[in-house]
């Protein structure tokens, strides 16, 4: 699943809503399998949390055989 947001605050809101909705149905989002990525010309550290644990920020992400990198190359 992809979640796109224009700001760190908006992304945190999306993650919080996903966590709340999944909890209502007895589902759990895995902290170890969930990562965040900031794509753009400026490298920026994001502090996105799922429940109480900070999510790992990745520089590269493989999707359908293609690599999406943080510097948008």
C-alpha atoms as a PDB file:
ATOM      1  CA  UNK A   1       0.000   0.000   0.000  1.00  0.00           C
ATOM      2  CA  UNK A   2       1.211   3.490  -0.825  1.00  0.00           C
ATOM      3  CA  UNK A   3       0.341   6.602   1.129  1.00  0.00           C
ATOM      4  CA  UNK A   4       1.307   9.926  -0.382  1.00  0.00           C
ATOM      5  CA  UNK A   5       1.352  13.216   1.475  1.00  0.00           C
ATOM      6  CA  UNK A   6       2.775  16.670   0.891  1.00  0.00           C
ATOM      7  CA  UNK A   7       4.040  17.178   4.427  1.00  0.00           C
ATOM      8  CA  UNK A   8       5.390  15.141   7.294  1.00  0.00           C
ATOM      9  CA  UNK A   9       2.392  16.176   9.403  1.00  0.00           C
ATOM     10  CA  UNK A  10      -0.069  14.982   6.730  1.00  0.00           C
ATOM     11  CA  UNK A  11       1.744  11.645   6.426  1.00  0.00           C
ATOM     12  CA  UNK A  12       1.648  11.176  10.194  1.00  0.00           C
ATOM     13  CA  UNK A  13      -2.113  11.809  10.102  1.00  0.00           C
ATOM     14  CA  UNK A  14      -2.543   9.161   7.374  1.00  0.00           C
ATOM     15  CA  UNK A  15      -0.495   6.612   9.329  1.00  0.00           C
ATOM     16  CA  UNK A  16      -2.498   7.353  12.492  1.00  0.00           C
ATOM     17  CA  UNK A  17      -5.789   6.874  10.639  1.00  0.00           C
ATOM     18  CA  UNK A  18      -4.573   3.604   9.086  1.00  0.00           C
ATOM     19  CA  UNK A  19      -3.498   2.316  12.502  1.00  0.00           C
ATOM     20  CA  UNK A  20      -6.845   3.274  14.091  1.00  0.00           C
ATOM     21  CA  UNK A  21      -8.934   1.762  11.266  1.00  0.00           C
ATOM     22  CA  UNK A  22      -6.969  -1.495  11.166  1.00  0.00           C
ATOM     23  CA  UNK A  23      -7.181  -1.832  14.966  1.00  0.00           C
ATOM     24  CA  UNK A  24     -10.977  -1.581  14.835  1.00  0.00           C
ATOM     25  CA  UNK A  25     -11.026  -4.733  12.679  1.00  0.00           C
ATOM     26  CA  UNK A  26      -8.430  -6.600  14.735  1.00  0.00           C
ATOM     27  CA  UNK A  27      -5.656  -6.085  12.192  1.00  0.00           C
ATOM     28  CA  UNK A  28      -2.107  -5.000  12.974  1.00  0.00           C
ATOM     29  CA  UNK A  29       0.249  -3.018  10.725  1.00  0.00           C
ATOM     30  CA  UNK A  30       3.761  -4.444  11.003  1.00  0.00           C
ATOM     31  CA  UNK A  31       6.368  -1.941  12.229  1.00  0.00           C
ATOM     32  CA  UNK A  32       9.182  -4.049  10.801  1.00  0.00           C
ATOM     33  CA  UNK A  33       7.640  -4.194   7.303  1.00  0.00           C
ATOM     34  CA  UNK A  34       6.500  -0.569   7.086  1.00  0.00           C
ATOM     35  CA  UNK A  35       8.892   2.120   5.866  1.00  0.00           C
ATOM     36  CA  UNK A  36       8.692   5.777   4.884  1.00  0.00           C
ATOM     37  CA  UNK A  37      10.485   7.620   2.103  1.00  0.00           C
ATOM     38  CA  UNK A  38      10.896  11.320   1.430  1.00  0.00           C
ATOM     39  CA  UNK A  39      11.281  11.943  -2.304  1.00  0.00           C
ATOM     40  CA  UNK A  40      12.783  15.211  -3.502  1.00  0.00           C
ATOM     41  CA  UNK A  41      15.946  17.167  -4.087  1.00  0.00           C
ATOM     42  CA  UNK A  42      16.554  17.831  -0.379  1.00  0.00           C
ATOM     43  CA  UNK A  43      17.462  14.973   1.932  1.00  0.00           C
ATOM     44  CA  UNK A  44      15.277  15.197   4.982  1.00  0.00           C
ATOM     45  CA  UNK A  45      14.884  12.993   8.031  1.00  0.00           C
ATOM     46  CA  UNK A  46      11.259  12.306   8.886  1.00  0.00           C
ATOM     47  CA  UNK A  47      10.000  11.166  12.278  1.00  0.00           C
ATOM     48  CA  UNK A  48       6.887   9.168  11.436  1.00  0.00           C
ATOM     49  CA  UNK A  49       5.596   6.835  14.137  1.00  0.00           C
ATOM     50  CA  UNK A  50       3.259   3.864  13.978  1.00  0.00           C
ATOM     51  CA  UNK A  51       1.667   3.682  17.421  1.00  0.00           C
ATOM     52  CA  UNK A  52       4.748   4.422  19.565  1.00  0.00           C
ATOM     53  CA  UNK A  53       7.555   3.129  17.334  1.00  0.00           C
ATOM     54  CA  UNK A  54       9.379   5.251  14.776  1.00  0.00           C
ATOM     55  CA  UNK A  55       9.258   3.883  11.234  1.00  0.00           C
ATOM     56  CA  UNK A  56      12.431   3.228   9.273  1.00  0.00           C
ATOM     57  CA  UNK A  57      13.191   5.736   6.520  1.00  0.00           C
ATOM     58  CA  UNK A  58      14.521   4.186   3.320  1.00  0.00           C
ATOM     59  CA  UNK A  59      16.554   5.757   0.518  1.00  0.00           C
ATOM     60  CA  UNK A  60      15.458   3.251  -2.149  1.00  0.00           C
ATOM     61  CA  UNK A  61      12.286   1.283  -2.669  1.00  0.00           C
ATOM     62  CA  UNK A  62      11.701  -1.485  -5.215  1.00  0.00           C
ATOM     63  CA  UNK A  63       8.207  -1.512  -6.709  1.00  0.00           C
ATOM     64  CA  UNK A  64       7.243  -3.826  -9.587  1.00  0.00           C
ATOM     65  CA  UNK A  65      10.892  -4.273 -10.498  1.00  0.00           C
ATOM     66  CA  UNK A  66      11.671  -0.550 -10.618  1.00  0.00           C
ATOM     67  CA  UNK A  67      13.672   1.368  -8.039  1.00  0.00           C
ATOM     68  CA  UNK A  68      12.246   4.544  -6.564  1.00  0.00           C
ATOM     69  CA  UNK A  69      15.011   6.569  -4.951  1.00  0.00           C
ATOM     70  CA  UNK A  70      14.787   9.417  -2.455  1.00  0.00           C
ATOM     71  CA  UNK A  71      16.495  11.815  -4.868  1.00  0.00           C
ATOM     72  CA  UNK A  72      13.742  11.067  -7.437  1.00  0.00           C
ATOM     73  CA  UNK A  73      16.138   9.528  -9.967  1.00  0.00           C
END
